[in-house]
Structures are given as structure tokens and as C-alpha cells.
Amino acid sequence: MKLNFENTLYEHANLKQNTTGQPFELWLDEFGKDRKVQHNEPRFKVKANGIELDCILHSDDTIEIVNNTRDIQKFKYAKEAENFIYTYRNLLRMHWNHDADTGDVAIVMKMLKSKKVTTEDILDMLSKVQNDLL
């Protein structure tokens, strides 16, 4: 997906279900923290069954879904999306801050998708990926 704001091109990387192990696609903002707008917290989109939800990961680790109530109710995986973003919050923040690239995020999610993971598992896997230890 490409968005154009004030002559600046914004792209989202789409991580499919076979990468995340989730019943929805996860869209990562490739511009991340470098976006010059009033908000500067990680933002994501999740998409399933033709419905997209816009999510914000706040600095206190809360996740806000900014869509209207009807969209949230129609999106049957809203709770799973919140839980997934919360579980991977540190990795997603690293991506937002350009400390992990999209390829690294995708590899980590794919390697861990069938497991119940902890923050330590995620960061350990990222370290291995970034240091080519796999």
C-alpha cells in the first residue's frame, strides 16, 4: 500500500498470514519514526475479510484501535490483533525506530509463529537474525 502526504511517499510492508501465523495481515509503516506528523507512536494496520483496523502502540504499551465501533465489531480478530501487537511490541517498536528492518521482523515472526513466545524469545531470535546466526 502506498500513501502520499504532502509529496512524500509512504509505504507499508504487508506481512501475510503465513509469515505471522495470525488470521490477519499485518501492515508495517516503512517510514516509521521519520514521519513528520503530530503523532509519533508506532502505527499498524491489520486486515482480514476486507476489513482494515488502524492500531496505535502507545508508549505505555496500550494498544488503541482507532476505527469506529462498528468496524471493530465486524473485525472478528480484533482481540487477537491486540494480543499479537502486544506480544511483539518491542520488535515492532524497533522496526518503527529503524533498529530492525522489515526482513528481520518477517523472519522472526515466521520462525516463532507456531510457538507461545516471550519478549526474550523474540529479542533473542532477532539478535540471531541480525547477526546471521541462523
C-alpha atoms as a PDB file:
ATOM      1  CA  MET A   1       0.000   0.000   0.000  1.00  0.00           C
ATOM      2  CA  LYS A   2       1.351   3.431  -0.870  1.00  0.00           C
ATOM      3  CA  LEU A   3       0.131   6.681   0.641  1.00  0.00           C
ATOM      4  CA  ASN A   4       1.093  10.157  -0.497  1.00  0.00           C
ATOM      5  CA  PHE A   5       1.074  13.013   2.025  1.00  0.00           C
ATOM      6  CA  GLU A   6       2.470  16.393   1.044  1.00  0.00           C
ATOM      7  CA  ASN A   7       4.573  14.966  -1.799  1.00  0.00           C
ATOM      8  CA  THR A   8       6.148  12.325   0.435  1.00  0.00           C
ATOM      9  CA  LEU A   9       5.628   8.671  -0.427  1.00  0.00           C
ATOM     10  CA  TYR A  10       4.707   6.339   2.440  1.00  0.00           C
ATOM     11  CA  GLU A  11       4.757   2.587   2.066  1.00  0.00           C
ATOM     12  CA  HIS A  12       3.544  -0.250   4.216  1.00  0.00           C
ATOM     13  CA  ALA A  13       5.053  -3.715   4.236  1.00  0.00           C
ATOM     14  CA  ASN A  14       2.346  -6.352   4.231  1.00  0.00           C
ATOM     15  CA  LEU A  15       3.151  -9.401   6.327  1.00  0.00           C
ATOM     16  CA  LYS A  16       0.798 -12.187   5.305  1.00  0.00           C
ATOM     17  CA  GLN A  17      -0.785 -14.829   7.500  1.00  0.00           C
ATOM     18  CA  ASN A  18       1.815 -17.445   6.539  1.00  0.00           C
ATOM     19  CA  THR A  19       4.501 -15.148   7.964  1.00  0.00           C
ATOM     20  CA  THR A  20       2.782 -14.114  11.187  1.00  0.00           C
ATOM     21  CA  GLY A  21       0.741 -17.236  11.857  1.00  0.00           C
ATOM     22  CA  GLN A  22      -2.244 -14.976  12.513  1.00  0.00           C
ATOM     23  CA  PRO A  23      -5.653 -14.899  10.800  1.00  0.00           C
ATOM     24  CA  PHE A  24      -4.967 -11.370   9.536  1.00  0.00           C
ATOM     25  CA  GLU A  25      -2.373  -9.446   7.538  1.00  0.00           C
ATOM     26  CA  LEU A  26      -0.147  -7.032   9.433  1.00  0.00           C
ATOM     27  CA  TRP A  27       0.858  -3.834   7.670  1.00  0.00           C
ATOM     28  CA  LEU A  28       4.022  -2.163   8.940  1.00  0.00           C
ATOM     29  CA  ASP A  29       4.719   1.510   8.254  1.00  0.00           C
ATOM     30  CA  GLU A  30       8.058   1.630   6.455  1.00  0.00           C
ATOM     31  CA  PHE A  31       8.578   5.322   7.208  1.00  0.00           C
ATOM     32  CA  GLY A  32       8.219   4.808  10.956  1.00  0.00           C
ATOM     33  CA  LYS A  33       9.541   7.455  13.300  1.00  0.00           C
ATOM     34  CA  ASP A  34      10.740   9.631  10.420  1.00  0.00           C
ATOM     35  CA  ARG A  35       7.206  10.612   9.528  1.00  0.00           C
ATOM     36  CA  LYS A  36       6.742  14.336  10.222  1.00  0.00           C
ATOM     37  CA  VAL A  37       3.235  14.412  11.684  1.00  0.00           C
ATOM     38  CA  GLN A  38       1.792  15.265  15.084  1.00  0.00           C
ATOM     39  CA  HIS A  39       1.788  11.656  16.303  1.00  0.00           C
ATOM     40  CA  ASN A  40       4.939   9.669  16.635  1.00  0.00           C
ATOM     41  CA  GLU A  41       3.939   6.324  18.021  1.00  0.00           C
ATOM     42  CA  PRO A  42       4.083   3.037  16.135  1.00  0.00           C
ATOM     43  CA  ARG A  43       1.061   2.547  13.922  1.00  0.00           C
ATOM     44  CA  PHE A  44      -0.090  -0.593  12.202  1.00  0.00           C
ATOM     45  CA  LYS A  45      -2.926  -1.856  10.116  1.00  0.00           C
ATOM     46  CA  VAL A  46      -4.420  -5.292  10.392  1.00  0.00           C
ATOM     47  CA  LYS A  47      -6.619  -6.647   7.627  1.00  0.00           C
ATOM     48  CA  ALA A  48      -8.900  -9.663   7.314  1.00  0.00           C
ATOM     49  CA  ASN A  49     -12.055 -10.361   5.348  1.00  0.00           C
ATOM     50  CA  GLY A  50     -11.847  -6.982   3.608  1.00  0.00           C
ATOM     51  CA  ILE A  51     -11.846  -5.024   6.873  1.00  0.00           C
ATOM     52  CA  GLU A  52      -8.866  -2.948   7.990  1.00  0.00           C
ATOM     53  CA  LEU A  53      -8.215  -1.749  11.510  1.00  0.00           C
ATOM     54  CA  ASP A  54      -5.787   1.043  12.359  1.00  0.00           C
ATOM     55  CA  CYS A  55      -3.825   0.366  15.550  1.00  0.00           C
ATOM     56  CA  ILE A  56      -1.522   2.542  17.629  1.00  0.00           C
ATOM     57  CA  LEU A  57       1.038   1.176  20.076  1.00  0.00           C
ATOM     58  CA  HIS A  58       1.313   3.799  22.812  1.00  0.00           C
ATOM     59  CA  SER A  59       4.402   4.381  24.944  1.00  0.00           C
ATOM     60  CA  ASP A  60       2.656   2.819  27.974  1.00  0.00           C
ATOM     61  CA  ASP A  61       2.189  -0.423  25.957  1.00  0.00           C
ATOM     62  CA  THR A  62      -1.547   0.081  25.499  1.00  0.00           C
ATOM     63  CA  ILE A  63      -2.909  -0.592  22.043  1.00  0.00           C
ATOM     64  CA  GLU A  64      -5.572   1.658  20.635  1.00  0.00           C
ATOM     65  CA  ILE A  65      -7.782   0.673  17.722  1.00  0.00           C
ATOM     66  CA  VAL A  66      -8.896   3.941  16.184  1.00  0.00           C
ATOM     67  CA  ASN A  67     -11.675   2.673  13.913  1.00  0.00           C
ATOM     68  CA  ASN A  68     -15.323   3.169  14.708  1.00  0.00           C
ATOM     69  CA  THR A  69     -17.044   0.642  16.965  1.00  0.00           C
ATOM     70  CA  ARG A  70     -18.948  -0.973  14.093  1.00  0.00           C
ATOM     71  CA  ASP A  71     -15.753  -1.770  12.162  1.00  0.00           C
ATOM     72  CA  ILE A  72     -14.136  -3.180  15.292  1.00  0.00           C
ATOM     73  CA  GLN A  73     -17.156  -5.389  15.952  1.00  0.00           C
ATOM     74  CA  LYS A  74     -17.176  -6.653  12.338  1.00  0.00           C
ATOM     75  CA  PHE A  75     -13.464  -7.485  12.502  1.00  0.00           C
ATOM     76  CA  LYS A  76     -13.641 -10.788  14.325  1.00  0.00           C
ATOM     77  CA  TYR A  77      -9.902 -10.893  15.114  1.00  0.00           C
ATOM     78  CA  ALA A  78      -9.580  -7.555  16.945  1.00  0.00           C
ATOM     79  CA  LYS A  79      -8.600  -9.159  20.257  1.00  0.00           C
ATOM     80  CA  GLU A  80      -6.082 -11.454  18.525  1.00  0.00           C
ATOM     81  CA  ALA A  81      -4.595  -8.421  16.759  1.00  0.00           C
ATOM     82  CA  GLU A  82      -4.231  -6.544  20.054  1.00  0.00           C
ATOM     83  CA  ASN A  83      -2.617  -9.568  21.707  1.00  0.00           C
ATOM     84  CA  PHE A  84      -0.260 -10.102  18.776  1.00  0.00           C
ATOM     85  CA  ILE A  85       0.859  -6.460  18.701  1.00  0.00           C
ATOM     86  CA  TYR A  86       1.341  -6.547  22.473  1.00  0.00           C
ATOM     87  CA  THR A  87       3.401  -9.754  22.302  1.00  0.00           C
ATOM     88  CA  TYR A  88       5.636  -8.359  19.557  1.00  0.00           C
ATOM     89  CA  ARG A  89       5.585  -4.762  20.854  1.00  0.00           C
ATOM     90  CA  ASN A  90       9.348  -4.471  21.386  1.00  0.00           C
ATOM     91  CA  LEU A  91      10.160  -5.843  17.944  1.00  0.00           C
ATOM     92  CA  LEU A  92       7.525  -3.600  16.346  1.00  0.00           C
ATOM     93  CA  ARG A  93       8.916  -0.556  18.165  1.00  0.00           C
ATOM     94  CA  MET A  94      12.395  -1.472  16.958  1.00  0.00           C
ATOM     95  CA  HIS A  95      11.047  -1.573  13.397  1.00  0.00           C
ATOM     96  CA  TRP A  96       9.350   1.813  13.905  1.00  0.00           C
ATOM     97  CA  ASN A  97      12.658   3.242  15.148  1.00  0.00           C
ATOM     98  CA  HIS A  98      14.615   1.616  12.285  1.00  0.00           C
ATOM     99  CA  ASP A  99      16.555  -0.684  14.617  1.00  0.00           C
ATOM    100  CA  ALA A 100      15.126  -3.732  12.818  1.00  0.00           C
ATOM    101  CA  ASP A 101      14.237  -3.894   9.155  1.00  0.00           C
ATOM    102  CA  THR A 102      11.140  -5.477   7.681  1.00  0.00           C
ATOM    103  CA  GLY A 103      13.005  -8.572   6.543  1.00  0.00           C
ATOM    104  CA  ASP A 104      14.267  -9.182  10.078  1.00  0.00           C
ATOM    105  CA  VAL A 105      10.776  -8.720  11.509  1.00  0.00           C
ATOM    106  CA  ALA A 106       9.331 -11.155   8.970  1.00  0.00           C
ATOM    107  CA  ILE A 107      11.971 -13.814   9.693  1.00  0.00           C
ATOM    108  CA  VAL A 108      11.482 -13.538  13.456  1.00  0.00           C
ATOM    109  CA  MET A 109       7.703 -13.777  13.140  1.00  0.00           C
ATOM    110  CA  LYS A 110       7.916 -16.705  10.746  1.00  0.00           C
ATOM    111  CA  MET A 111      10.362 -18.616  12.982  1.00  0.00           C
ATOM    112  CA  LEU A 112       8.239 -18.087  16.082  1.00  0.00           C
ATOM    113  CA  LYS A 113       4.736 -18.171  14.619  1.00  0.00           C
ATOM    114  CA  SER A 114       3.684 -21.558  15.968  1.00  0.00           C
ATOM    115  CA  LYS A 115       5.038 -21.007  19.464  1.00  0.00           C
ATOM    116  CA  LYS A 116       3.872 -19.187  22.541  1.00  0.00           C
ATOM    117  CA  VAL A 117       6.663 -16.634  22.820  1.00  0.00           C
ATOM    118  CA  THR A 118       8.063 -14.244  25.377  1.00  0.00           C
ATOM    119  CA  THR A 119       9.752 -10.913  24.807  1.00  0.00           C
ATOM    120  CA  GLU A 120      13.071 -12.625  25.486  1.00  0.00           C
ATOM    121  CA  ASP A 121      12.373 -15.255  22.797  1.00  0.00           C
ATOM    122  CA  ILE A 122      11.601 -12.533  20.270  1.00  0.00           C
ATOM    123  CA  LEU A 123      14.658 -10.423  21.057  1.00  0.00           C
ATOM    124  CA  ASP A 124      16.915 -13.493  21.117  1.00  0.00           C
ATOM    125  CA  MET A 125      15.654 -14.551  17.683  1.00  0.00           C
ATOM    126  CA  LEU A 126      16.122 -11.003  16.344  1.00  0.00           C
ATOM    127  CA  SER A 127      19.706 -10.981  17.597  1.00  0.00           C
ATOM    128  CA  LYS A 128      20.369 -14.277  15.803  1.00  0.00           C
ATOM    129  CA  VAL A 129      18.773 -12.987  12.605  1.00  0.00           C
ATOM    130  CA  GLN A 130      20.673  -9.698  12.663  1.00  0.00           C
ATOM    131  CA  ASN A 131      23.955 -11.473  13.354  1.00  0.00           C
ATOM    132  CA  ASP A 132      23.345 -14.153  10.697  1.00  0.00           C
ATOM    133  CA  LEU A 133      23.470 -16.943  13.259  1.00  0.00           C
ATOM    134  CA  LEU A 134      20.660 -18.988  11.711  1.00  0.00           C
END
